[in-house]
Structure formats: structure tokens, C-alpha cells
């Protein structure tokens, strides 16, 4: 819960970084045509609800809050041989080093 609140504070204090309609939106996400993200308002609503789904914007805010780079690994791809749009190396606001990132592996059970 504490991380969720800290992420919410981060996102509310820096809306341009998290809003895809802003010219200051996180550049690696802005350049990714495959990544589908919620609107800023929807993201704020989800982020403020305990147990709500987290997306790549949450990963960005977590990186900023923890001041650590985060490597996400998603085993499913959109096409054979392609990397998933959810496999990313994320460096949040003011993160200085990408060394020793937090690794987050997404596991899908069907």
C-alpha cells in the first residue's frame, strides 16, 4: 500500500511524464507503437485503487519512486519471433544508473 501511495504522489506531481497526450510523455513509451496505455485519468483511478491492475505506467512510477531501473520480462509476444511490448527496460525520473535493475517477470497461467 505504501508503494502505491508513493507512486500516486509521483504521478500527481509529474503529470506530463505519465500523460500520453503531453509533449513531455516518457519518450521510450511515446516511441512504441505497440504499447497500449490508459489515459492519464484512467491511470490515476486505477493506481489509487488497492488490488487494481497495474500497467507499464505503474512500472515507470515505481522506477521513479524506488530510484532503480526496472527490467520487465513478458514471455508472450505479439508475433512469432517478436519481443513483447511489455518487455522493457524502464528508467524513471531522475534514475541515474541502469546497473542492477529490479527484474519483474510476468507469468501467465491459463
C-alpha atoms as a PDB file:
ATOM      1  CA  UNK A   1       0.000   0.000   0.000  1.00  0.00           C
ATOM      2  CA  UNK A   2       2.863   2.375   0.810  1.00  0.00           C
ATOM      3  CA  UNK A   3       4.409   1.937  -2.646  1.00  0.00           C
ATOM      4  CA  UNK A   4       1.022   2.546  -4.245  1.00  0.00           C
ATOM      5  CA  UNK A   5       0.615   5.829  -2.338  1.00  0.00           C
ATOM      6  CA  UNK A   6       4.160   6.935  -3.190  1.00  0.00           C
ATOM      7  CA  UNK A   7       3.536   6.135  -6.871  1.00  0.00           C
ATOM      8  CA  UNK A   8       0.289   8.087  -6.792  1.00  0.00           C
ATOM      9  CA  UNK A   9       2.090  11.117  -5.320  1.00  0.00           C
ATOM     10  CA  UNK A  10       4.799  10.795  -8.004  1.00  0.00           C
ATOM     11  CA  UNK A  11       2.257  10.660 -10.833  1.00  0.00           C
ATOM     12  CA  UNK A  12       0.173  13.552  -9.480  1.00  0.00           C
ATOM     13  CA  UNK A  13       3.278  15.740  -9.060  1.00  0.00           C
ATOM     14  CA  UNK A  14       4.569  14.928 -12.579  1.00  0.00           C
ATOM     15  CA  UNK A  15       1.533  14.528 -14.847  1.00  0.00           C
ATOM     16  CA  UNK A  16       3.332  15.395 -18.096  1.00  0.00           C
ATOM     17  CA  UNK A  17       5.656  12.386 -17.789  1.00  0.00           C
ATOM     18  CA  UNK A  18       2.706   9.979 -17.479  1.00  0.00           C
ATOM     19  CA  UNK A  19       0.184  11.554 -19.863  1.00  0.00           C
ATOM     20  CA  UNK A  20       0.469  10.258 -23.440  1.00  0.00           C
ATOM     21  CA  UNK A  21      -1.114  13.498 -24.701  1.00  0.00           C
ATOM     22  CA  UNK A  22       1.748  15.559 -23.257  1.00  0.00           C
ATOM     23  CA  UNK A  23       4.823  16.502 -25.309  1.00  0.00           C
ATOM     24  CA  UNK A  24       6.879  15.513 -22.211  1.00  0.00           C
ATOM     25  CA  UNK A  25       5.431  11.969 -22.074  1.00  0.00           C
ATOM     26  CA  UNK A  26       8.093   9.327 -21.273  1.00  0.00           C
ATOM     27  CA  UNK A  27       9.935   9.135 -24.647  1.00  0.00           C
ATOM     28  CA  UNK A  28      10.524   5.348 -24.837  1.00  0.00           C
ATOM     29  CA  UNK A  29       6.782   4.746 -24.357  1.00  0.00           C
ATOM     30  CA  UNK A  30       5.850   7.522 -26.793  1.00  0.00           C
ATOM     31  CA  UNK A  31       8.048   5.909 -29.458  1.00  0.00           C
ATOM     32  CA  UNK A  32       6.493   2.448 -29.002  1.00  0.00           C
ATOM     33  CA  UNK A  33       3.593   1.945 -31.418  1.00  0.00           C
ATOM     34  CA  UNK A  34       2.673  -1.433 -29.895  1.00  0.00           C
ATOM     35  CA  UNK A  35       2.288  -0.304 -26.305  1.00  0.00           C
ATOM     36  CA  UNK A  36      -1.332   0.419 -25.376  1.00  0.00           C
ATOM     37  CA  UNK A  37      -1.714   2.518 -22.253  1.00  0.00           C
ATOM     38  CA  UNK A  38      -4.720   4.013 -20.463  1.00  0.00           C
ATOM     39  CA  UNK A  39      -5.484   7.714 -20.402  1.00  0.00           C
ATOM     40  CA  UNK A  40      -3.903   9.718 -17.603  1.00  0.00           C
ATOM     41  CA  UNK A  41      -7.256   9.943 -15.801  1.00  0.00           C
ATOM     42  CA  UNK A  42      -7.875   6.195 -16.035  1.00  0.00           C
ATOM     43  CA  UNK A  43      -4.353   5.504 -14.857  1.00  0.00           C
ATOM     44  CA  UNK A  44      -4.811   7.730 -11.776  1.00  0.00           C
ATOM     45  CA  UNK A  45      -8.091   5.979 -10.960  1.00  0.00           C
ATOM     46  CA  UNK A  46      -6.511   2.505 -11.208  1.00  0.00           C
ATOM     47  CA  UNK A  47      -3.399   3.489  -9.321  1.00  0.00           C
ATOM     48  CA  UNK A  48      -5.488   4.773  -6.414  1.00  0.00           C
ATOM     49  CA  UNK A  49      -7.430   1.506  -6.009  1.00  0.00           C
ATOM     50  CA  UNK A  50      -5.959  -1.299  -3.925  1.00  0.00           C
ATOM     51  CA  UNK A  51      -5.781  -4.503  -5.941  1.00  0.00           C
ATOM     52  CA  UNK A  52      -6.303  -2.754  -9.290  1.00  0.00           C
ATOM     53  CA  UNK A  53      -4.456  -3.849 -12.426  1.00  0.00           C
ATOM     54  CA  UNK A  54      -1.007  -2.326 -12.926  1.00  0.00           C
ATOM     55  CA  UNK A  55       0.450  -1.443 -16.304  1.00  0.00           C
ATOM     56  CA  UNK A  56       3.677  -0.060 -17.752  1.00  0.00           C
ATOM     57  CA  UNK A  57       2.891   3.418 -16.406  1.00  0.00           C
ATOM     58  CA  UNK A  58       2.934   1.883 -12.940  1.00  0.00           C
ATOM     59  CA  UNK A  59       6.347   0.378 -13.687  1.00  0.00           C
ATOM     60  CA  UNK A  60       7.581   3.837 -14.694  1.00  0.00           C
ATOM     61  CA  UNK A  61       6.267   5.393 -11.483  1.00  0.00           C
ATOM     62  CA  UNK A  62       7.784   2.563  -9.399  1.00  0.00           C
ATOM     63  CA  UNK A  63      11.152   3.179 -11.023  1.00  0.00           C
ATOM     64  CA  UNK A  64      10.929   6.871 -10.138  1.00  0.00           C
ATOM     65  CA  UNK A  65       9.846   6.165  -6.553  1.00  0.00           C
ATOM     66  CA  UNK A  66      12.470   3.481  -5.875  1.00  0.00           C
ATOM     67  CA  UNK A  67      15.163   5.286  -7.901  1.00  0.00           C
ATOM     68  CA  UNK A  68      16.004   1.961  -9.556  1.00  0.00           C
ATOM     69  CA  UNK A  69      15.803   0.873 -13.170  1.00  0.00           C
ATOM     70  CA  UNK A  70      13.287  -1.913 -13.783  1.00  0.00           C
ATOM     71  CA  UNK A  71      13.593  -4.669 -16.382  1.00  0.00           C
ATOM     72  CA  UNK A  72      10.247  -6.240 -17.211  1.00  0.00           C
ATOM     73  CA  UNK A  73      10.118  -9.583 -18.993  1.00  0.00           C
ATOM     74  CA  UNK A  74       6.918 -10.748 -20.637  1.00  0.00           C
ATOM     75  CA  UNK A  75       7.127 -14.198 -22.253  1.00  0.00           C
ATOM     76  CA  UNK A  76       4.247 -13.727 -24.695  1.00  0.00           C
ATOM     77  CA  UNK A  77       4.831 -11.834 -27.933  1.00  0.00           C
ATOM     78  CA  UNK A  78       2.505 -10.243 -30.442  1.00  0.00           C
ATOM     79  CA  UNK A  79       4.100 -12.162 -33.330  1.00  0.00           C
ATOM     80  CA  UNK A  80       6.395 -15.207 -33.609  1.00  0.00           C
ATOM     81  CA  UNK A  81       9.995 -14.135 -33.020  1.00  0.00           C
ATOM     82  CA  UNK A  82       8.974 -10.648 -31.861  1.00  0.00           C
ATOM     83  CA  UNK A  83       9.583  -9.244 -28.428  1.00  0.00           C
ATOM     84  CA  UNK A  84       6.514  -8.421 -26.372  1.00  0.00           C
ATOM     85  CA  UNK A  85       5.716  -4.710 -25.997  1.00  0.00           C
ATOM     86  CA  UNK A  86       5.700  -5.376 -22.249  1.00  0.00           C
ATOM     87  CA  UNK A  87       9.364  -6.439 -22.200  1.00  0.00           C
ATOM     88  CA  UNK A  88      11.041  -3.153 -21.363  1.00  0.00           C
ATOM     89  CA  UNK A  89      13.972  -1.570 -19.591  1.00  0.00           C
ATOM     90  CA  UNK A  90      12.466   1.361 -17.690  1.00  0.00           C
ATOM     91  CA  UNK A  91      14.384   4.203 -16.084  1.00  0.00           C
ATOM     92  CA  UNK A  92      12.099   6.543 -14.196  1.00  0.00           C
ATOM     93  CA  UNK A  93      12.535  10.202 -13.485  1.00  0.00           C
ATOM     94  CA  UNK A  94      15.971  11.079 -12.027  1.00  0.00           C
ATOM     95  CA  UNK A  95      17.175   7.448 -12.066  1.00  0.00           C
ATOM     96  CA  UNK A  96      20.898   7.824 -12.677  1.00  0.00           C
ATOM     97  CA  UNK A  97      22.082   4.257 -13.231  1.00  0.00           C
ATOM     98  CA  UNK A  98      20.649   1.269 -15.030  1.00  0.00           C
ATOM     99  CA  UNK A  99      23.030  -1.071 -13.243  1.00  0.00           C
ATOM    100  CA  UNK A 100      21.461  -3.818 -11.158  1.00  0.00           C
ATOM    101  CA  UNK A 101      17.853  -3.190 -12.193  1.00  0.00           C
ATOM    102  CA  UNK A 102      14.881  -4.677 -10.441  1.00  0.00           C
ATOM    103  CA  UNK A 103      13.702  -7.577 -12.606  1.00  0.00           C
ATOM    104  CA  UNK A 104       9.990  -8.199 -12.953  1.00  0.00           C
ATOM    105  CA  UNK A 105       8.900 -11.376 -14.761  1.00  0.00           C
ATOM    106  CA  UNK A 106       5.267 -11.614 -15.787  1.00  0.00           C
ATOM    107  CA  UNK A 107       3.892 -15.131 -15.610  1.00  0.00           C
ATOM    108  CA  UNK A 108       0.667 -16.054 -17.328  1.00  0.00           C
ATOM    109  CA  UNK A 109      -1.193 -19.120 -16.079  1.00  0.00           C
ATOM    110  CA  UNK A 110      -4.044 -20.472 -18.127  1.00  0.00           C
END
